[in-house]
Amino acid sequence: MSDIEIRDDRAAGRLEAVGDGEVAGHIEYFVLESPARALVPVHTIVEPAHEGKGVAGSLARELYAVAEREGIPVAPLCPYVVKWAERHPEVAPPADPELLEAAKDWLRAHPGRF
């Protein structure tokens, strides 16, 4: 795969990695509004043909960059993003436990969303 472009489709709640005209992977997320605004990644998916090429890591890094540009935290529920954040504390500060609980509550209240 040549260069990857990562684009944020906020309306769809997807951060997509696109290369060679196709979506190689994406992170599904939502924006938590209360008790504070936060990005909440729920799933990271990489297409089988693109596994092992750093797509998921690029997506996670860009998610944290988007949050930093917007001045809001990330409250990761996606297991991949949680592990990635633990390995990259320099760009992925620990999530506030209150935000994580609020994100879990939001998911329970919206069972068909993800």
C-alpha atoms as a PDB file:
ATOM      1  CA  MET A   1       0.000   0.000   0.000  1.00  0.00           C
ATOM      2  CA  SER A   2       1.232   3.448  -0.809  1.00  0.00           C
ATOM      3  CA  ASP A   3       0.674   6.436   1.432  1.00  0.00           C
ATOM      4  CA  ILE A   4      -2.268   6.244   3.787  1.00  0.00           C
ATOM      5  CA  GLU A   5      -4.602   9.192   4.179  1.00  0.00           C
ATOM      6  CA  ILE A   6      -6.629   9.294   7.356  1.00  0.00           C
ATOM      7  CA  ARG A   7      -9.913  11.115   7.220  1.00  0.00           C
ATOM      8  CA  ASP A   8     -12.433  11.845   9.921  1.00  0.00           C
ATOM      9  CA  ASP A   9     -16.067  11.263   9.016  1.00  0.00           C
ATOM     10  CA  ARG A  10     -17.520  12.784  12.186  1.00  0.00           C
ATOM     11  CA  ALA A  11     -21.125  12.389  11.041  1.00  0.00           C
ATOM     12  CA  ALA A  12     -20.635   8.636  10.630  1.00  0.00           C
ATOM     13  CA  GLY A  13     -18.389   8.312  13.677  1.00  0.00           C
ATOM     14  CA  ARG A  14     -15.565   6.808  11.660  1.00  0.00           C
ATOM     15  CA  LEU A  15     -11.892   7.620  11.350  1.00  0.00           C
ATOM     16  CA  GLU A  16     -10.844   5.952   8.089  1.00  0.00           C
ATOM     17  CA  ALA A  17      -7.450   4.962   6.714  1.00  0.00           C
ATOM     18  CA  VAL A  18      -7.583   5.176   2.928  1.00  0.00           C
ATOM     19  CA  GLY A  19      -4.880   4.098   0.520  1.00  0.00           C
ATOM     20  CA  ASP A  20      -4.845   3.145  -3.125  1.00  0.00           C
ATOM     21  CA  GLY A  21      -8.486   4.178  -3.403  1.00  0.00           C
ATOM     22  CA  GLU A  22      -9.813   1.822  -0.741  1.00  0.00           C
ATOM     23  CA  VAL A  23     -10.550   1.893   2.955  1.00  0.00           C
ATOM     24  CA  ALA A  24      -7.842  -0.187   4.630  1.00  0.00           C
ATOM     25  CA  GLY A  25      -9.281   0.180   8.109  1.00  0.00           C
ATOM     26  CA  HIS A  26     -11.248   2.362  10.453  1.00  0.00           C
ATOM     27  CA  ILE A  27     -12.009   3.233  14.047  1.00  0.00           C
ATOM     28  CA  GLU A  28     -15.672   3.544  14.985  1.00  0.00           C
ATOM     29  CA  TYR A  29     -16.229   6.154  17.669  1.00  0.00           C
ATOM     30  CA  PHE A  30     -18.725   8.541  19.176  1.00  0.00           C
ATOM     31  CA  VAL A  31     -18.453  11.928  20.826  1.00  0.00           C
ATOM     32  CA  LEU A  32     -19.424  11.902  24.481  1.00  0.00           C
ATOM     33  CA  GLU A  33     -21.018  15.187  25.558  1.00  0.00           C
ATOM     34  CA  SER A  34     -21.504  14.685  29.304  1.00  0.00           C
ATOM     35  CA  PRO A  35     -20.053  14.905  31.920  1.00  0.00           C
ATOM     36  CA  ALA A  36     -17.478  16.372  29.522  1.00  0.00           C
ATOM     37  CA  ARG A  37     -16.833  16.224  25.796  1.00  0.00           C
ATOM     38  CA  ALA A  38     -14.583  13.312  24.768  1.00  0.00           C
ATOM     39  CA  LEU A  39     -13.850  11.057  21.799  1.00  0.00           C
ATOM     40  CA  VAL A  40     -14.785   7.452  22.553  1.00  0.00           C
ATOM     41  CA  PRO A  41     -13.343   4.812  20.208  1.00  0.00           C
ATOM     42  CA  VAL A  42     -15.350   1.583  20.320  1.00  0.00           C
ATOM     43  CA  HIS A  43     -13.979  -0.648  17.529  1.00  0.00           C
ATOM     44  CA  THR A  44     -10.839  -0.738  15.391  1.00  0.00           C
ATOM     45  CA  ILE A  45     -11.141  -2.750  12.203  1.00  0.00           C
ATOM     46  CA  VAL A  46      -8.404  -3.402   9.630  1.00  0.00           C
ATOM     47  CA  GLU A  47      -9.214  -5.180   6.405  1.00  0.00           C
ATOM     48  CA  PRO A  48      -7.411  -8.547   6.171  1.00  0.00           C
ATOM     49  CA  ALA A  49      -5.363  -7.505   3.127  1.00  0.00           C
ATOM     50  CA  HIS A  50      -3.892  -4.625   5.163  1.00  0.00           C
ATOM     51  CA  GLU A  51      -3.169  -6.322   8.472  1.00  0.00           C
ATOM     52  CA  GLY A  52       0.371  -6.005   9.799  1.00  0.00           C
ATOM     53  CA  LYS A  53       1.056  -2.756   7.950  1.00  0.00           C
ATOM     54  CA  GLY A  54       0.587  -0.348  10.840  1.00  0.00           C
ATOM     55  CA  VAL A  55      -2.879   0.786   9.801  1.00  0.00           C
ATOM     56  CA  ALA A  56      -4.454   0.348  13.244  1.00  0.00           C
ATOM     57  CA  GLY A  57      -1.601   2.186  14.948  1.00  0.00           C
ATOM     58  CA  SER A  58      -1.853   5.055  12.464  1.00  0.00           C
ATOM     59  CA  LEU A  59      -5.566   5.310  13.148  1.00  0.00           C
ATOM     60  CA  ALA A  60      -5.066   5.325  16.930  1.00  0.00           C
ATOM     61  CA  ARG A  61      -2.335   7.967  16.687  1.00  0.00           C
ATOM     62  CA  GLU A  62      -4.544  10.191  14.520  1.00  0.00           C
ATOM     63  CA  LEU A  63      -7.500   9.763  16.896  1.00  0.00           C
ATOM     64  CA  TYR A  64      -5.388  11.154  19.733  1.00  0.00           C
ATOM     65  CA  ALA A  65      -4.124  13.928  17.446  1.00  0.00           C
ATOM     66  CA  VAL A  66      -7.703  14.905  16.563  1.00  0.00           C
ATOM     67  CA  ALA A  67      -8.602  14.987  20.261  1.00  0.00           C
ATOM     68  CA  GLU A  68      -5.557  17.128  21.039  1.00  0.00           C
ATOM     69  CA  ARG A  69      -6.391  19.588  18.243  1.00  0.00           C
ATOM     70  CA  GLU A  70      -9.937  19.859  19.616  1.00  0.00           C
ATOM     71  CA  GLY A  71      -8.726  20.162  23.199  1.00  0.00           C
ATOM     72  CA  ILE A  72     -10.720  17.175  24.421  1.00  0.00           C
ATOM     73  CA  PRO A  73      -9.711  13.825  25.937  1.00  0.00           C
ATOM     74  CA  VAL A  74     -10.062  10.308  24.585  1.00  0.00           C
ATOM     75  CA  ALA A  75     -11.990   7.761  26.643  1.00  0.00           C
ATOM     76  CA  PRO A  76     -11.115   4.499  24.866  1.00  0.00           C
ATOM     77  CA  LEU A  77     -13.428   1.504  25.084  1.00  0.00           C
ATOM     78  CA  CYS A  78     -11.862  -0.264  22.088  1.00  0.00           C
ATOM     79  CA  PRO A  79      -9.425  -2.913  23.395  1.00  0.00           C
ATOM     80  CA  TYR A  80      -6.905  -2.132  20.655  1.00  0.00           C
ATOM     81  CA  VAL A  81      -6.887   1.599  21.403  1.00  0.00           C
ATOM     82  CA  VAL A  82      -6.598   0.898  25.152  1.00  0.00           C
ATOM     83  CA  LYS A  83      -3.476  -1.229  24.554  1.00  0.00           C
ATOM     84  CA  TRP A  84      -2.048   1.250  22.042  1.00  0.00           C
ATOM     85  CA  ALA A  85      -2.502   4.099  24.527  1.00  0.00           C
ATOM     86  CA  GLU A  86      -0.691   2.130  27.242  1.00  0.00           C
ATOM     87  CA  ARG A  87       2.280   1.725  24.880  1.00  0.00           C
ATOM     88  CA  HIS A  88       2.265   5.417  23.847  1.00  0.00           C
ATOM     89  CA  PRO A  89       1.708   7.485  26.994  1.00  0.00           C
ATOM     90  CA  GLU A  90       3.625  10.397  25.453  1.00  0.00           C
ATOM     91  CA  VAL A  91       0.697  11.055  23.078  1.00  0.00           C
ATOM     92  CA  ALA A  92      -2.116   9.156  24.802  1.00  0.00           C
ATOM     93  CA  PRO A  93      -2.715  10.335  28.367  1.00  0.00           C
ATOM     94  CA  PRO A  94      -4.660   8.032  30.672  1.00  0.00           C
ATOM     95  CA  ALA A  95      -8.415   8.398  30.449  1.00  0.00           C
ATOM     96  CA  ASP A  96     -10.423   9.877  33.278  1.00  0.00           C
ATOM     97  CA  PRO A  97     -12.299   7.002  35.025  1.00  0.00           C
ATOM     98  CA  GLU A  98     -15.448   9.151  35.254  1.00  0.00           C
ATOM     99  CA  LEU A  99     -15.408   9.663  31.463  1.00  0.00           C
ATOM    100  CA  LEU A 100     -14.883   5.946  30.882  1.00  0.00           C
ATOM    101  CA  GLU A 101     -17.892   5.125  33.064  1.00  0.00           C
ATOM    102  CA  ALA A 102     -19.993   7.755  31.298  1.00  0.00           C
ATOM    103  CA  ALA A 103     -18.935   6.300  27.919  1.00  0.00           C
ATOM    104  CA  LYS A 104     -19.953   2.796  29.044  1.00  0.00           C
ATOM    105  CA  ASP A 105     -23.292   4.179  30.245  1.00  0.00           C
ATOM    106  CA  TRP A 106     -23.797   5.857  26.854  1.00  0.00           C
ATOM    107  CA  LEU A 107     -23.158   2.562  25.068  1.00  0.00           C
ATOM    108  CA  ARG A 108     -25.645   0.720  27.300  1.00  0.00           C
ATOM    109  CA  ALA A 109     -28.216   3.421  26.547  1.00  0.00           C
ATOM    110  CA  HIS A 110     -27.609   3.066  22.768  1.00  0.00           C
ATOM    111  CA  PRO A 111     -27.435  -0.721  22.231  1.00  0.00           C
ATOM    112  CA  GLY A 112     -27.936  -0.629  18.469  1.00  0.00           C
ATOM    113  CA  ARG A 113     -25.291   1.993  17.713  1.00  0.00           C
ATOM    114  CA  PHE A 114     -22.261  -0.328  17.574  1.00  0.00           C
END
